[in-house]
Amino acid sequence: MNNKIRVAITHGDFNGIGYEVIIKALAIDELSSICTPVIFGSAELLAQTAKSIGAEYFYFNVINSAADIISGTVNVVDCCGPDLVMTPGHPSEQAGIAAAQALEAACQALEDGEVDVLVTAPINKRTIYHPERFPYPGHTEFLESRIGHGQKATMILFDDNIRVALVTTHLPLRAVPDAITKESVVDKIRDLNDALGRDFARDHSRIAVFSLNPHNGDNGLLGSEEIEEIEPAIAECVKEGILAFGPYAADGFFGNGTFKHFDGIIAMYHDQGLAPFKALAGEYGVNYTAGLPFVRTSPDHGTGYDIAGKNIADPTSMRQAIYKAIDIFRNRKNFDRFSKNPL
């Protein structure tokens, strides 16, 4: 019986560094001993990239469907059609369409039980966006709609030491305050608490909650969201037995090392949490979409247009995304097995 976890990997924007970091990440023997990689994209572009970075040794098996996976080797589901033109560092509509096609094919394979987890290479939100084909601001929102089955997604950036969840994700700053409500903060605290237990195997987790305004709003002088929305949200979660604390001003929290005393962090908006996280985690950071029926991770960097085609991209975050997807998949199975009511 094959016990290797089948890891679907989408190629992202093929004019970026996606193929390069995928090839480099998979070019170690230990990965093949624990998983079967299944790349969704273009076999031709994968071969072109392998040749351009001197990885002609990179062997892969081309298939039309994930149902034809061969265990123990790299498989490529050729799902984006012919005549693709790779122009490293230059966005194109064709690359956006191919990124959406790879995502759709991988999601279908997940739902059909042909793969176990999903790892996504970075996309360009502008080229992939289309009102009819892909009307979403990013991976998180697409996956919630496509494979969420009614469940809500929570974006978590993490490494071995820090786990940061976001109340708001891809919103312009001017829209953030209106989105910070007691309900939205409570939902994210609950979601992070659930993910820490089921996905990260951390019981009785301590969760820090950030303020929205500088200096916690200075008792309402710099904003009322802390008093009216965030503090009541924390109080409600504490009544439920969740170990939630705060609100904390984000600058001092990271600056004085307070983050080391918590299992998870709730940030109010994208850059508030992710700028310090990426500075601390470096190339070991991973993006995780919690709350969905399926496990999805990705590297915590973008398309890397500025270095695309130069053979200098670091594959560490992609490799970590693969490892962490496997870890979370196993944690979930163990959690579900041990928490199942024997009656």
C-alpha atoms as a PDB file:
ATOM      1  CA  MET A   1       0.000   0.000   0.000  1.00  0.00           C
ATOM      2  CA  ASN A   2       1.290   3.480  -0.893  1.00  0.00           C
ATOM      3  CA  ASN A   3       1.547   5.729   2.191  1.00  0.00           C
ATOM      4  CA  LYS A   4       3.241   8.656   0.488  1.00  0.00           C
ATOM      5  CA  ILE A   5       1.301  11.900   0.676  1.00  0.00           C
ATOM      6  CA  ARG A   6       0.375  13.197  -2.770  1.00  0.00           C
ATOM      7  CA  VAL A   7       1.325  16.875  -2.930  1.00  0.00           C
ATOM      8  CA  ALA A   8      -0.312  18.982  -5.644  1.00  0.00           C
ATOM      9  CA  ILE A   9       1.886  21.942  -6.639  1.00  0.00           C
ATOM     10  CA  THR A  10       0.519  24.672  -8.927  1.00  0.00           C
ATOM     11  CA  HIS A  11       3.008  26.526 -11.090  1.00  0.00           C
ATOM     12  CA  GLY A  12       1.694  30.019 -10.300  1.00  0.00           C
ATOM     13  CA  ASP A  13       2.741  32.784 -12.681  1.00  0.00           C
ATOM     14  CA  PHE A  14       5.155  31.100 -15.079  1.00  0.00           C
ATOM     15  CA  ASN A  15       6.913  34.387 -15.840  1.00  0.00           C
ATOM     16  CA  GLY A  16       8.026  34.555 -12.227  1.00  0.00           C
ATOM     17  CA  ILE A  17      10.235  32.232 -10.193  1.00  0.00           C
ATOM     18  CA  GLY A  18       7.615  29.512  -9.656  1.00  0.00           C
ATOM     19  CA  TYR A  19       9.130  26.800 -11.820  1.00  0.00           C
ATOM     20  CA  GLU A  20      12.649  27.566 -10.633  1.00  0.00           C
ATOM     21  CA  VAL A  21      11.838  27.240  -6.924  1.00  0.00           C
ATOM     22  CA  ILE A  22       9.688  24.146  -7.557  1.00  0.00           C
ATOM     23  CA  ILE A  23      12.537  22.360  -9.345  1.00  0.00           C
ATOM     24  CA  LYS A  24      15.108  23.366  -6.733  1.00  0.00           C
ATOM     25  CA  ALA A  25      12.798  22.470  -3.849  1.00  0.00           C
ATOM     26  CA  LEU A  26      12.140  18.987  -5.234  1.00  0.00           C
ATOM     27  CA  ALA A  27      15.774  18.264  -6.081  1.00  0.00           C
ATOM     28  CA  ILE A  28      16.534  16.532  -2.779  1.00  0.00           C
ATOM     29  CA  ASP A  29      16.216  12.803  -2.177  1.00  0.00           C
ATOM     30  CA  GLU A  30      14.467  12.980   1.203  1.00  0.00           C
ATOM     31  CA  LEU A  31      11.325  14.571  -0.259  1.00  0.00           C
ATOM     32  CA  SER A  32      10.724  11.612  -2.567  1.00  0.00           C
ATOM     33  CA  SER A  33      10.775   9.313   0.442  1.00  0.00           C
ATOM     34  CA  ILE A  34       7.806  11.009   2.121  1.00  0.00           C
ATOM     35  CA  CYS A  35       5.661  12.368  -0.696  1.00  0.00           C
ATOM     36  CA  THR A  36       4.729  12.142  -4.353  1.00  0.00           C
ATOM     37  CA  PRO A  37       4.853  15.607  -5.968  1.00  0.00           C
ATOM     38  CA  VAL A  38       2.230  16.386  -8.619  1.00  0.00           C
ATOM     39  CA  ILE A  39       2.891  19.621 -10.517  1.00  0.00           C
ATOM     40  CA  PHE A  40      -0.074  21.254 -12.239  1.00  0.00           C
ATOM     41  CA  GLY A  41       1.083  23.379 -15.151  1.00  0.00           C
ATOM     42  CA  SER A  42       3.043  22.969 -18.375  1.00  0.00           C
ATOM     43  CA  ALA A  43       5.493  20.123 -18.978  1.00  0.00           C
ATOM     44  CA  GLU A  44       7.134  22.134 -21.749  1.00  0.00           C
ATOM     45  CA  LEU A  45       7.771  25.197 -19.553  1.00  0.00           C
ATOM     46  CA  LEU A  46       8.997  22.991 -16.719  1.00  0.00           C
ATOM     47  CA  ALA A  47      11.511  21.367 -19.078  1.00  0.00           C
ATOM     48  CA  GLN A  48      12.585  24.771 -20.418  1.00  0.00           C
ATOM     49  CA  THR A  49      13.227  26.040 -16.904  1.00  0.00           C
ATOM     50  CA  ALA A  50      15.111  22.909 -15.871  1.00  0.00           C
ATOM     51  CA  LYS A  51      17.413  23.324 -18.846  1.00  0.00           C
ATOM     52  CA  SER A  52      17.930  27.049 -18.251  1.00  0.00           C
ATOM     53  CA  ILE A  53      19.050  26.531 -14.636  1.00  0.00           C
ATOM     54  CA  GLY A  54      21.271  23.551 -15.419  1.00  0.00           C
ATOM     55  CA  ALA A  55      18.921  20.933 -13.968  1.00  0.00           C
ATOM     56  CA  GLU A  56      18.669  18.640 -16.984  1.00  0.00           C
ATOM     57  CA  TYR A  57      18.793  15.750 -14.505  1.00  0.00           C
ATOM     58  CA  PHE A  58      15.330  16.745 -13.226  1.00  0.00           C
ATOM     59  CA  TYR A  59      13.147  13.821 -14.278  1.00  0.00           C
ATOM     60  CA  PHE A  60       9.352  14.000 -14.324  1.00  0.00           C
ATOM     61  CA  ASN A  61       6.462  11.907 -15.533  1.00  0.00           C
ATOM     62  CA  VAL A  62       3.924  13.712 -17.767  1.00  0.00           C
ATOM     63  CA  ILE A  63       0.282  12.754 -17.226  1.00  0.00           C
ATOM     64  CA  ASN A  64      -3.088  14.027 -18.420  1.00  0.00           C
ATOM     65  CA  SER A  65      -4.843  13.493 -15.083  1.00  0.00           C
ATOM     66  CA  ALA A  66      -3.870  13.167 -11.451  1.00  0.00           C
ATOM     67  CA  ALA A  67      -5.588   9.781 -11.547  1.00  0.00           C
ATOM     68  CA  ASP A  68      -2.507   8.539 -13.458  1.00  0.00           C
ATOM     69  CA  ILE A  69       0.054   9.497 -10.782  1.00  0.00           C
ATOM     70  CA  ILE A  70       3.113   7.272 -10.463  1.00  0.00           C
ATOM     71  CA  SER A  71       4.253   7.122  -6.844  1.00  0.00           C
ATOM     72  CA  GLY A  72       7.852   7.892  -6.015  1.00  0.00           C
ATOM     73  CA  THR A  73       8.504  10.271  -8.905  1.00  0.00           C
ATOM     74  CA  VAL A  74       7.653  13.839  -9.865  1.00  0.00           C
ATOM     75  CA  ASN A  75       4.451  13.931 -11.902  1.00  0.00           C
ATOM     76  CA  VAL A  76       3.277  16.780 -14.121  1.00  0.00           C
ATOM     77  CA  VAL A  77      -0.385  17.224 -15.013  1.00  0.00           C
ATOM     78  CA  ASP A  78      -0.153  19.054 -18.343  1.00  0.00           C
ATOM     79  CA  CYS A  79      -3.270  21.210 -17.975  1.00  0.00           C
ATOM     80  CA  CYS A  80      -2.548  24.621 -19.507  1.00  0.00           C
ATOM     81  CA  GLY A  81      -2.567  23.919 -23.235  1.00  0.00           C
ATOM     82  CA  PRO A  82       0.083  24.393 -25.935  1.00  0.00           C
ATOM     83  CA  ASP A  83       1.889  27.446 -27.327  1.00  0.00           C
ATOM     84  CA  LEU A  84       2.719  29.056 -23.987  1.00  0.00           C
ATOM     85  CA  VAL A  85       5.430  31.695 -24.205  1.00  0.00           C
ATOM     86  CA  MET A  86       7.586  32.273 -21.140  1.00  0.00           C
ATOM     87  CA  THR A  87       8.954  35.820 -20.770  1.00  0.00           C
ATOM     88  CA  PRO A  88      10.724  35.887 -17.398  1.00  0.00           C
ATOM     89  CA  GLY A  89      10.080  39.045 -15.404  1.00  0.00           C
ATOM     90  CA  HIS A  90       7.293  40.299 -17.663  1.00  0.00           C
ATOM     91  CA  PRO A  91       3.613  39.889 -16.713  1.00  0.00           C
ATOM     92  CA  SER A  92       1.287  38.564 -19.394  1.00  0.00           C
ATOM     93  CA  GLU A  93      -2.382  37.725 -19.749  1.00  0.00           C
ATOM     94  CA  GLN A  94      -1.425  34.253 -20.964  1.00  0.00           C
ATOM     95  CA  ALA A  95       0.448  33.573 -17.729  1.00  0.00           C
ATOM     96  CA  GLY A  96      -2.552  34.720 -15.704  1.00  0.00           C
ATOM     97  CA  ILE A  97      -4.882  32.389 -17.591  1.00  0.00           C
ATOM     98  CA  ALA A  98      -2.468  29.470 -17.143  1.00  0.00           C
ATOM     99  CA  ALA A  99      -2.187  30.173 -13.413  1.00  0.00           C
ATOM    100  CA  ALA A 100      -5.979  30.005 -13.068  1.00  0.00           C
ATOM    101  CA  GLN A 101      -6.143  26.800 -15.128  1.00  0.00           C
ATOM    102  CA  ALA A 102      -3.559  25.103 -12.920  1.00  0.00           C
ATOM    103  CA  LEU A 103      -5.411  26.139  -9.770  1.00  0.00           C
ATOM    104  CA  GLU A 104      -8.726  24.849 -11.058  1.00  0.00           C
ATOM    105  CA  ALA A 105      -7.224  21.514 -12.113  1.00  0.00           C
ATOM    106  CA  ALA A 106      -5.496  21.068  -8.746  1.00  0.00           C
ATOM    107  CA  CYS A 107      -8.677  21.909  -6.818  1.00  0.00           C
ATOM    108  CA  GLN A 108     -10.627  19.380  -8.835  1.00  0.00           C
ATOM    109  CA  ALA A 109      -7.999  16.739  -8.095  1.00  0.00           C
ATOM    110  CA  LEU A 110      -8.283  17.553  -4.376  1.00  0.00           C
ATOM    111  CA  GLU A 111     -12.044  17.137  -4.444  1.00  0.00           C
ATOM    112  CA  ASP A 112     -11.750  13.905  -6.415  1.00  0.00           C
ATOM    113  CA  GLY A 113      -9.346  12.470  -3.847  1.00  0.00           C
ATOM    114  CA  GLU A 114      -6.510  12.149  -6.360  1.00  0.00           C
ATOM    115  CA  VAL A 115      -4.146  14.342  -4.313  1.00  0.00           C
ATOM    116  CA  ASP A 116      -3.942  14.990  -0.579  1.00  0.00           C
ATOM    117  CA  VAL A 117      -2.653  18.547  -0.091  1.00  0.00           C
ATOM    118  CA  LEU A 118      -2.136  21.682  -2.174  1.00  0.00           C
ATOM    119  CA  VAL A 119       0.965  23.886  -2.416  1.00  0.00           C
ATOM    120  CA  THR A 120       0.679  26.970  -4.623  1.00  0.00           C
ATOM    121  CA  ALA A 121       3.470  28.922  -6.286  1.00  0.00           C
ATOM    122  CA  PRO A 122       2.989  32.717  -6.340  1.00  0.00           C
ATOM    123  CA  ILE A 123       0.528  34.365  -8.724  1.00  0.00           C
ATOM    124  CA  ASN A 124       0.266  37.887 -10.095  1.00  0.00           C
ATOM    125  CA  LYS A 125      -3.087  39.152  -8.801  1.00  0.00           C
ATOM    126  CA  ARG A 126      -3.446  41.614 -11.653  1.00  0.00           C
ATOM    127  CA  THR A 127      -2.865  39.176 -14.529  1.00  0.00           C
ATOM    128  CA  ILE A 128      -4.901  36.339 -13.029  1.00  0.00           C
ATOM    129  CA  TYR A 129      -7.867  38.530 -12.138  1.00  0.00           C
ATOM    130  CA  HIS A 130     -10.826  38.416 -14.506  1.00  0.00           C
ATOM    131  CA  PRO A 131     -14.463  39.304 -13.650  1.00  0.00           C
ATOM    132  CA  GLU A 132     -15.739  36.016 -15.064  1.00  0.00           C
ATOM    133  CA  ARG A 133     -12.750  33.660 -15.016  1.00  0.00           C
ATOM    134  CA  PHE A 134     -11.135  34.578 -11.668  1.00  0.00           C
ATOM    135  CA  PRO A 135     -12.993  37.335  -9.763  1.00  0.00           C
ATOM    136  CA  TYR A 136     -10.888  37.045  -6.600  1.00  0.00           C
ATOM    137  CA  PRO A 137      -8.185  39.255  -5.029  1.00  0.00           C
ATOM    138  CA  GLY A 138      -5.959  36.271  -4.210  1.00  0.00           C
ATOM    139  CA  HIS A 139      -5.519  32.576  -3.508  1.00  0.00           C
ATOM    140  CA  THR A 140      -7.232  32.693  -0.110  1.00  0.00           C
ATOM    141  CA  GLU A 141     -10.513  34.065  -1.408  1.00  0.00           C
ATOM    142  CA  PHE A 142     -10.522  31.760  -4.437  1.00  0.00           C
ATOM    143  CA  LEU A 143      -9.901  28.649  -2.358  1.00  0.00           C
ATOM    144  CA  GLU A 144     -12.588  29.583   0.151  1.00  0.00           C
ATOM    145  CA  SER A 145     -15.082  29.869  -2.700  1.00  0.00           C
ATOM    146  CA  ARG A 146     -13.879  26.897  -4.747  1.00  0.00           C
ATOM    147  CA  ILE A 147     -13.155  24.202  -2.150  1.00  0.00           C
ATOM    148  CA  GLY A 148     -14.350  25.737   1.116  1.00  0.00           C
ATOM    149  CA  HIS A 149     -17.718  23.971   1.067  1.00  0.00           C
ATOM    150  CA  GLY A 150     -19.173  26.845   3.084  1.00  0.00           C
ATOM    151  CA  GLN A 151     -16.284  27.078   5.535  1.00  0.00           C
ATOM    152  CA  LYS A 152     -14.403  30.345   6.048  1.00  0.00           C
ATOM    153  CA  ALA A 153     -10.696  30.652   5.279  1.00  0.00           C
ATOM    154  CA  THR A 154      -8.151  32.174   7.647  1.00  0.00           C
ATOM    155  CA  MET A 155      -4.802  33.334   6.327  1.00  0.00           C
ATOM    156  CA  ILE A 156      -1.925  32.310   8.633  1.00  0.00           C
ATOM    157  CA  LEU A 157       1.754  33.055   8.056  1.00  0.00           C
ATOM    158  CA  PHE A 158       4.045  30.872  10.124  1.00  0.00           C
ATOM    159  CA  ASP A 159       7.423  29.322  10.726  1.00  0.00           C
ATOM    160  CA  ASP A 160       8.539  27.069  13.569  1.00  0.00           C
ATOM    161  CA  ASN A 161       8.232  29.894  16.113  1.00  0.00           C
ATOM    162  CA  ILE A 162       5.587  32.417  15.004  1.00  0.00           C
ATOM    163  CA  ARG A 163       2.018  32.032  13.704  1.00  0.00           C
ATOM    164  CA  VAL A 164       0.243  35.185  12.542  1.00  0.00           C
ATOM    165  CA  ALA A 165      -3.419  35.227  11.482  1.00  0.00           C
ATOM    166  CA  LEU A 166      -5.160  38.193   9.867  1.00  0.00           C
ATOM    167  CA  VAL A 167      -8.599  39.668  10.539  1.00  0.00           C
ATOM    168  CA  THR A 168      -8.508  41.382   7.139  1.00  0.00           C
ATOM    169  CA  THR A 169      -6.401  40.208   4.211  1.00  0.00           C
ATOM    170  CA  HIS A 170      -6.386  41.852   0.792  1.00  0.00           C
ATOM    171  CA  LEU A 171      -8.156  45.117   1.574  1.00  0.00           C
ATOM    172  CA  PRO A 172      -7.042  48.697   0.886  1.00  0.00           C
ATOM    173  CA  LEU A 173      -6.065  50.428   4.129  1.00  0.00           C
ATOM    174  CA  ARG A 174      -8.970  52.868   3.935  1.00  0.00           C
ATOM    175  CA  ALA A 175     -11.400  49.924   4.128  1.00  0.00           C
ATOM    176  CA  VAL A 176      -9.778  48.201   7.115  1.00  0.00           C
ATOM    177  CA  PRO A 177     -11.389  50.116  10.046  1.00  0.00           C
ATOM    178  CA  ASP A 178     -14.923  49.344   8.846  1.00  0.00           C
ATOM    179  CA  ALA A 179     -14.005  45.639   8.663  1.00  0.00           C
ATOM    180  CA  ILE A 180     -12.758  45.519  12.267  1.00  0.00           C
ATOM    181  CA  THR A 181     -15.877  44.522  14.184  1.00  0.00           C
ATOM    182  CA  LYS A 182     -16.371  42.527  17.353  1.00  0.00           C
ATOM    183  CA  GLU A 183     -17.780  39.695  15.242  1.00  0.00           C
ATOM    184  CA  SER A 184     -14.900  39.612  12.762  1.00  0.00           C
ATOM    185  CA  VAL A 185     -12.283  39.628  15.517  1.00  0.00           C
ATOM    186  CA  VAL A 186     -14.084  36.901  17.485  1.00  0.00           C
ATOM    187  CA  ASP A 187     -14.314  34.755  14.359  1.00  0.00           C
ATOM    188  CA  LYS A 188     -10.580  34.993  13.685  1.00  0.00           C
ATOM    189  CA  ILE A 189      -9.595  34.305  17.290  1.00  0.00           C
ATOM    190  CA  ARG A 190     -11.765  31.185  17.232  1.00  0.00           C
ATOM    191  CA  ASP A 191     -10.400  30.138  13.845  1.00  0.00           C
ATOM    192  CA  LEU A 192      -6.785  30.547  14.952  1.00  0.00           C
ATOM    193  CA  ASN A 193      -7.450  28.701  18.203  1.00  0.00           C
ATOM    194  CA  ASP A 194      -8.992  25.797  16.274  1.00  0.00           C
ATOM    195  CA  ALA A 195      -6.104  25.732  13.775  1.00  0.00           C
ATOM    196  CA  LEU A 196      -3.481  25.774  16.528  1.00  0.00           C
ATOM    197  CA  GLY A 197      -5.066  22.692  18.056  1.00  0.00           C
ATOM    198  CA  ARG A 198      -5.972  20.657  14.983  1.00  0.00           C
ATOM    199  CA  ASP A 199      -3.362  21.723  12.438  1.00  0.00           C
ATOM    200  CA  PHE A 200      -0.364  22.624  14.625  1.00  0.00           C
ATOM    201  CA  ALA A 201      -0.915  20.142  17.483  1.00  0.00           C
ATOM    202  CA  ARG A 202      -0.685  22.850  20.159  1.00  0.00           C
ATOM    203  CA  ASP A 203      -3.103  22.427  23.072  1.00  0.00           C
ATOM    204  CA  HIS A 204      -4.177  25.312  25.340  1.00  0.00           C
ATOM    205  CA  SER A 205      -2.656  27.871  23.000  1.00  0.00           C
ATOM    206  CA  ARG A 206      -1.968  31.436  24.114  1.00  0.00           C
ATOM    207  CA  ILE A 207      -3.171  33.960  21.533  1.00  0.00           C
ATOM    208  CA  ALA A 208      -2.116  37.617  21.393  1.00  0.00           C
ATOM    209  CA  VAL A 209      -4.496  40.099  19.753  1.00  0.00           C
ATOM    210  CA  PHE A 210      -3.221  43.345  18.248  1.00  0.00           C
ATOM    211  CA  SER A 211      -4.789  46.778  18.419  1.00  0.00           C
ATOM    212  CA  LEU A 212      -5.694  48.623  15.227  1.00  0.00           C
ATOM    213  CA  ASN A 213      -4.494  52.108  16.123  1.00  0.00           C
ATOM    214  CA  PRO A 214      -1.094  53.303  17.372  1.00  0.00           C
ATOM    215  CA  HIS A 215      -0.575  52.941  21.146  1.00  0.00           C
ATOM    216  CA  ASN A 216      -3.788  50.910  21.490  1.00  0.00           C
ATOM    217  CA  GLY A 217      -5.728  54.020  20.534  1.00  0.00           C
ATOM    218  CA  ASP A 218      -4.561  55.894  23.650  1.00  0.00           C
ATOM    219  CA  ASN A 219      -7.860  55.312  25.469  1.00  0.00           C
ATOM    220  CA  GLY A 220      -9.889  56.503  22.509  1.00  0.00           C
ATOM    221  CA  LEU A 221      -7.755  59.526  21.672  1.00  0.00           C
ATOM    222  CA  LEU A 222      -6.342  57.897  18.515  1.00  0.00           C
ATOM    223  CA  GLY A 223      -9.327  55.718  17.654  1.00  0.00           C
ATOM    224  CA  SER A 224     -12.199  53.844  19.277  1.00  0.00           C
ATOM    225  CA  GLU A 225     -11.893  50.387  17.666  1.00  0.00           C
ATOM    226  CA  GLU A 226      -9.949  48.968  20.597  1.00  0.00           C
ATOM    227  CA  ILE A 227     -12.606  49.966  23.147  1.00  0.00           C
ATOM    228  CA  GLU A 228     -15.689  49.284  21.030  1.00  0.00           C
ATOM    229  CA  GLU A 229     -14.712  46.193  19.025  1.00  0.00           C
ATOM    230  CA  ILE A 230     -11.415  44.495  19.908  1.00  0.00           C
ATOM    231  CA  GLU A 231     -11.569  44.425  23.720  1.00  0.00           C
ATOM    232  CA  PRO A 232     -15.166  43.070  23.760  1.00  0.00           C
ATOM    233  CA  ALA A 233     -14.116  40.415  21.231  1.00  0.00           C
ATOM    234  CA  ILE A 234     -11.259  39.274  23.451  1.00  0.00           C
ATOM    235  CA  ALA A 235     -13.555  39.200  26.491  1.00  0.00           C
ATOM    236  CA  GLU A 236     -16.090  37.018  24.675  1.00  0.00           C
ATOM    237  CA  CYS A 237     -13.421  34.538  23.605  1.00  0.00           C
ATOM    238  CA  VAL A 238     -12.019  34.376  27.144  1.00  0.00           C
ATOM    239  CA  LYS A 239     -15.506  33.466  28.401  1.00  0.00           C
ATOM    240  CA  GLU A 240     -15.436  30.560  25.932  1.00  0.00           C
ATOM    241  CA  GLY A 241     -12.220  29.275  27.448  1.00  0.00           C
ATOM    242  CA  ILE A 242      -9.849  30.593  24.778  1.00  0.00           C
ATOM    243  CA  LEU A 243      -6.561  31.951  26.131  1.00  0.00           C
ATOM    244  CA  ALA A 244      -6.726  35.297  24.306  1.00  0.00           C
ATOM    245  CA  PHE A 245      -4.828  38.366  25.529  1.00  0.00           C
ATOM    246  CA  GLY A 246      -4.541  41.985  24.495  1.00  0.00           C
ATOM    247  CA  PRO A 247      -4.933  44.177  22.675  1.00  0.00           C
ATOM    248  CA  TYR A 248      -1.241  44.799  22.142  1.00  0.00           C
ATOM    249  CA  ALA A 249       0.395  47.565  20.129  1.00  0.00           C
ATOM    250  CA  ALA A 250       2.192  45.783  17.291  1.00  0.00           C
ATOM    251  CA  ASP A 251       5.415  47.785  17.378  1.00  0.00           C
ATOM    252  CA  GLY A 252       6.369  47.101  20.973  1.00  0.00           C
ATOM    253  CA  PHE A 253       5.085  43.534  20.795  1.00  0.00           C
ATOM    254  CA  PHE A 254       7.715  42.569  18.255  1.00  0.00           C
ATOM    255  CA  GLY A 255      10.336  45.061  19.346  1.00  0.00           C
ATOM    256  CA  ASN A 256      10.621  43.806  22.924  1.00  0.00           C
ATOM    257  CA  GLY A 257      10.255  40.108  22.127  1.00  0.00           C
ATOM    258  CA  THR A 258       6.794  39.622  23.656  1.00  0.00           C
ATOM    259  CA  PHE A 259       5.857  37.496  20.638  1.00  0.00           C
ATOM    260  CA  LYS A 260       8.032  34.687  22.005  1.00  0.00           C
ATOM    261  CA  HIS A 261       5.514  34.035  24.782  1.00  0.00           C
ATOM    262  CA  PHE A 262       2.555  33.272  22.496  1.00  0.00           C
ATOM    263  CA  ASP A 263       1.523  30.392  20.254  1.00  0.00           C
ATOM    264  CA  GLY A 264      -0.404  32.593  17.837  1.00  0.00           C
ATOM    265  CA  ILE A 265      -0.997  36.232  16.955  1.00  0.00           C
ATOM    266  CA  ILE A 266      -4.060  37.999  15.547  1.00  0.00           C
ATOM    267  CA  ALA A 267      -3.171  41.046  13.426  1.00  0.00           C
ATOM    268  CA  MET A 268      -5.833  43.463  12.252  1.00  0.00           C
ATOM    269  CA  TYR A 269      -4.539  43.980   8.721  1.00  0.00           C
ATOM    270  CA  HIS A 270      -2.080  42.580   6.207  1.00  0.00           C
ATOM    271  CA  ASP A 271       1.111  44.583   6.666  1.00  0.00           C
ATOM    272  CA  GLN A 272       0.667  44.999  10.420  1.00  0.00           C
ATOM    273  CA  GLY A 273       1.290  41.302  10.890  1.00  0.00           C
ATOM    274  CA  LEU A 274       3.213  40.245   7.826  1.00  0.00           C
ATOM    275  CA  ALA A 275       5.905  42.927   7.670  1.00  0.00           C
ATOM    276  CA  PRO A 276       7.429  41.982  11.051  1.00  0.00           C
ATOM    277  CA  PHE A 277       6.748  38.298  10.459  1.00  0.00           C
ATOM    278  CA  LYS A 278       8.672  38.223   7.195  1.00  0.00           C
ATOM    279  CA  ALA A 279      11.538  40.172   8.738  1.00  0.00           C
ATOM    280  CA  LEU A 280      11.816  37.576  11.515  1.00  0.00           C
ATOM    281  CA  ALA A 281      11.036  34.387   9.577  1.00  0.00           C
ATOM    282  CA  GLY A 282      13.080  35.196   6.477  1.00  0.00           C
ATOM    283  CA  GLU A 283      13.126  32.435   3.886  1.00  0.00           C
ATOM    284  CA  TYR A 284      11.524  29.941   6.303  1.00  0.00           C
ATOM    285  CA  GLY A 285       8.100  31.594   6.290  1.00  0.00           C
ATOM    286  CA  VAL A 286       5.064  29.735   4.938  1.00  0.00           C
ATOM    287  CA  ASN A 287       1.566  30.942   4.055  1.00  0.00           C
ATOM    288  CA  TYR A 288      -1.234  28.638   5.211  1.00  0.00           C
ATOM    289  CA  THR A 289      -4.955  28.798   4.447  1.00  0.00           C
ATOM    290  CA  ALA A 290      -6.609  27.460   7.593  1.00  0.00           C
ATOM    291  CA  GLY A 291     -10.264  26.619   8.127  1.00  0.00           C
ATOM    292  CA  LEU A 292     -10.871  24.749   4.867  1.00  0.00           C
ATOM    293  CA  PRO A 293     -11.545  21.026   4.339  1.00  0.00           C
ATOM    294  CA  PHE A 294      -8.203  20.743   2.516  1.00  0.00           C
ATOM    295  CA  VAL A 295      -4.644  21.720   3.463  1.00  0.00           C
ATOM    296  CA  ARG A 296      -3.101  24.469   1.362  1.00  0.00           C
ATOM    297  CA  THR A 297       0.263  26.166   1.847  1.00  0.00           C
ATOM    298  CA  SER A 298       2.493  28.401  -0.246  1.00  0.00           C
ATOM    299  CA  PRO A 299       5.847  30.131   0.031  1.00  0.00           C
ATOM    300  CA  ASP A 300       5.564  33.540   1.681  1.00  0.00           C
ATOM    301  CA  HIS A 301       7.157  35.452  -1.217  1.00  0.00           C
ATOM    302  CA  GLY A 302       5.792  36.820  -4.472  1.00  0.00           C
ATOM    303  CA  THR A 303       6.447  36.150  -8.137  1.00  0.00           C
ATOM    304  CA  GLY A 304      10.002  37.520  -7.965  1.00  0.00           C
ATOM    305  CA  TYR A 305       9.886  39.183 -11.379  1.00  0.00           C
ATOM    306  CA  ASP A 306      13.083  41.085 -10.613  1.00  0.00           C
ATOM    307  CA  ILE A 307      15.098  37.843 -10.364  1.00  0.00           C
ATOM    308  CA  ALA A 308      13.086  35.612 -12.707  1.00  0.00           C
ATOM    309  CA  GLY A 309      15.223  33.775 -15.245  1.00  0.00           C
ATOM    310  CA  LYS A 310      18.480  34.531 -13.417  1.00  0.00           C
ATOM    311  CA  ASN A 311      18.837  31.219 -11.530  1.00  0.00           C
ATOM    312  CA  ILE A 312      19.275  32.935  -8.162  1.00  0.00           C
ATOM    313  CA  ALA A 313      15.877  32.281  -6.554  1.00  0.00           C
ATOM    314  CA  ASP A 314      16.025  30.671  -3.097  1.00  0.00           C
ATOM    315  CA  PRO A 315      13.792  27.549  -2.881  1.00  0.00           C
ATOM    316  CA  THR A 316      13.755  27.400   0.937  1.00  0.00           C
ATOM    317  CA  SER A 317      10.254  28.837   1.408  1.00  0.00           C
ATOM    318  CA  MET A 318       8.804  26.561  -1.289  1.00  0.00           C
ATOM    319  CA  ARG A 319      10.472  23.522   0.269  1.00  0.00           C
ATOM    320  CA  GLN A 320       9.193  24.573   3.695  1.00  0.00           C
ATOM    321  CA  ALA A 321       5.690  24.972   2.246  1.00  0.00           C
ATOM    322  CA  ILE A 322       5.814  21.362   1.035  1.00  0.00           C
ATOM    323  CA  TYR A 323       7.138  20.041   4.354  1.00  0.00           C
ATOM    324  CA  LYS A 324       4.604  22.029   6.373  1.00  0.00           C
ATOM    325  CA  ALA A 325       1.673  20.912   4.199  1.00  0.00           C
ATOM    326  CA  ILE A 326       2.673  17.316   4.947  1.00  0.00           C
ATOM    327  CA  ASP A 327       3.033  18.069   8.679  1.00  0.00           C
ATOM    328  CA  ILE A 328      -0.383  19.729   8.879  1.00  0.00           C
ATOM    329  CA  PHE A 329      -2.019  16.901   6.926  1.00  0.00           C
ATOM    330  CA  ARG A 330      -0.608  14.394   9.422  1.00  0.00           C
ATOM    331  CA  ASN A 331      -1.548  16.555  12.421  1.00  0.00           C
ATOM    332  CA  ARG A 332      -5.135  16.774  11.183  1.00  0.00           C
ATOM    333  CA  LYS A 333      -5.403  13.028  10.751  1.00  0.00           C
ATOM    334  CA  ASN A 334      -4.029  12.414  14.235  1.00  0.00           C
ATOM    335  CA  PHE A 335      -6.280  15.058  15.800  1.00  0.00           C
ATOM    336  CA  ASP A 336      -9.383  13.712  14.096  1.00  0.00           C
ATOM    337  CA  ARG A 337      -8.531  10.149  15.052  1.00  0.00           C
ATOM    338  CA  PHE A 338      -7.854  10.895  18.711  1.00  0.00           C
ATOM    339  CA  SER A 339     -10.799  13.285  19.149  1.00  0.00           C
ATOM    340  CA  LYS A 340     -13.330  11.000  17.479  1.00  0.00           C
ATOM    341  CA  ASN A 341     -16.115   9.871  19.777  1.00  0.00           C
ATOM    342  CA  PRO A 342     -15.667   6.089  20.125  1.00  0.00           C
ATOM    343  CA  LEU A 343     -19.459   5.737  20.482  1.00  0.00           C
END
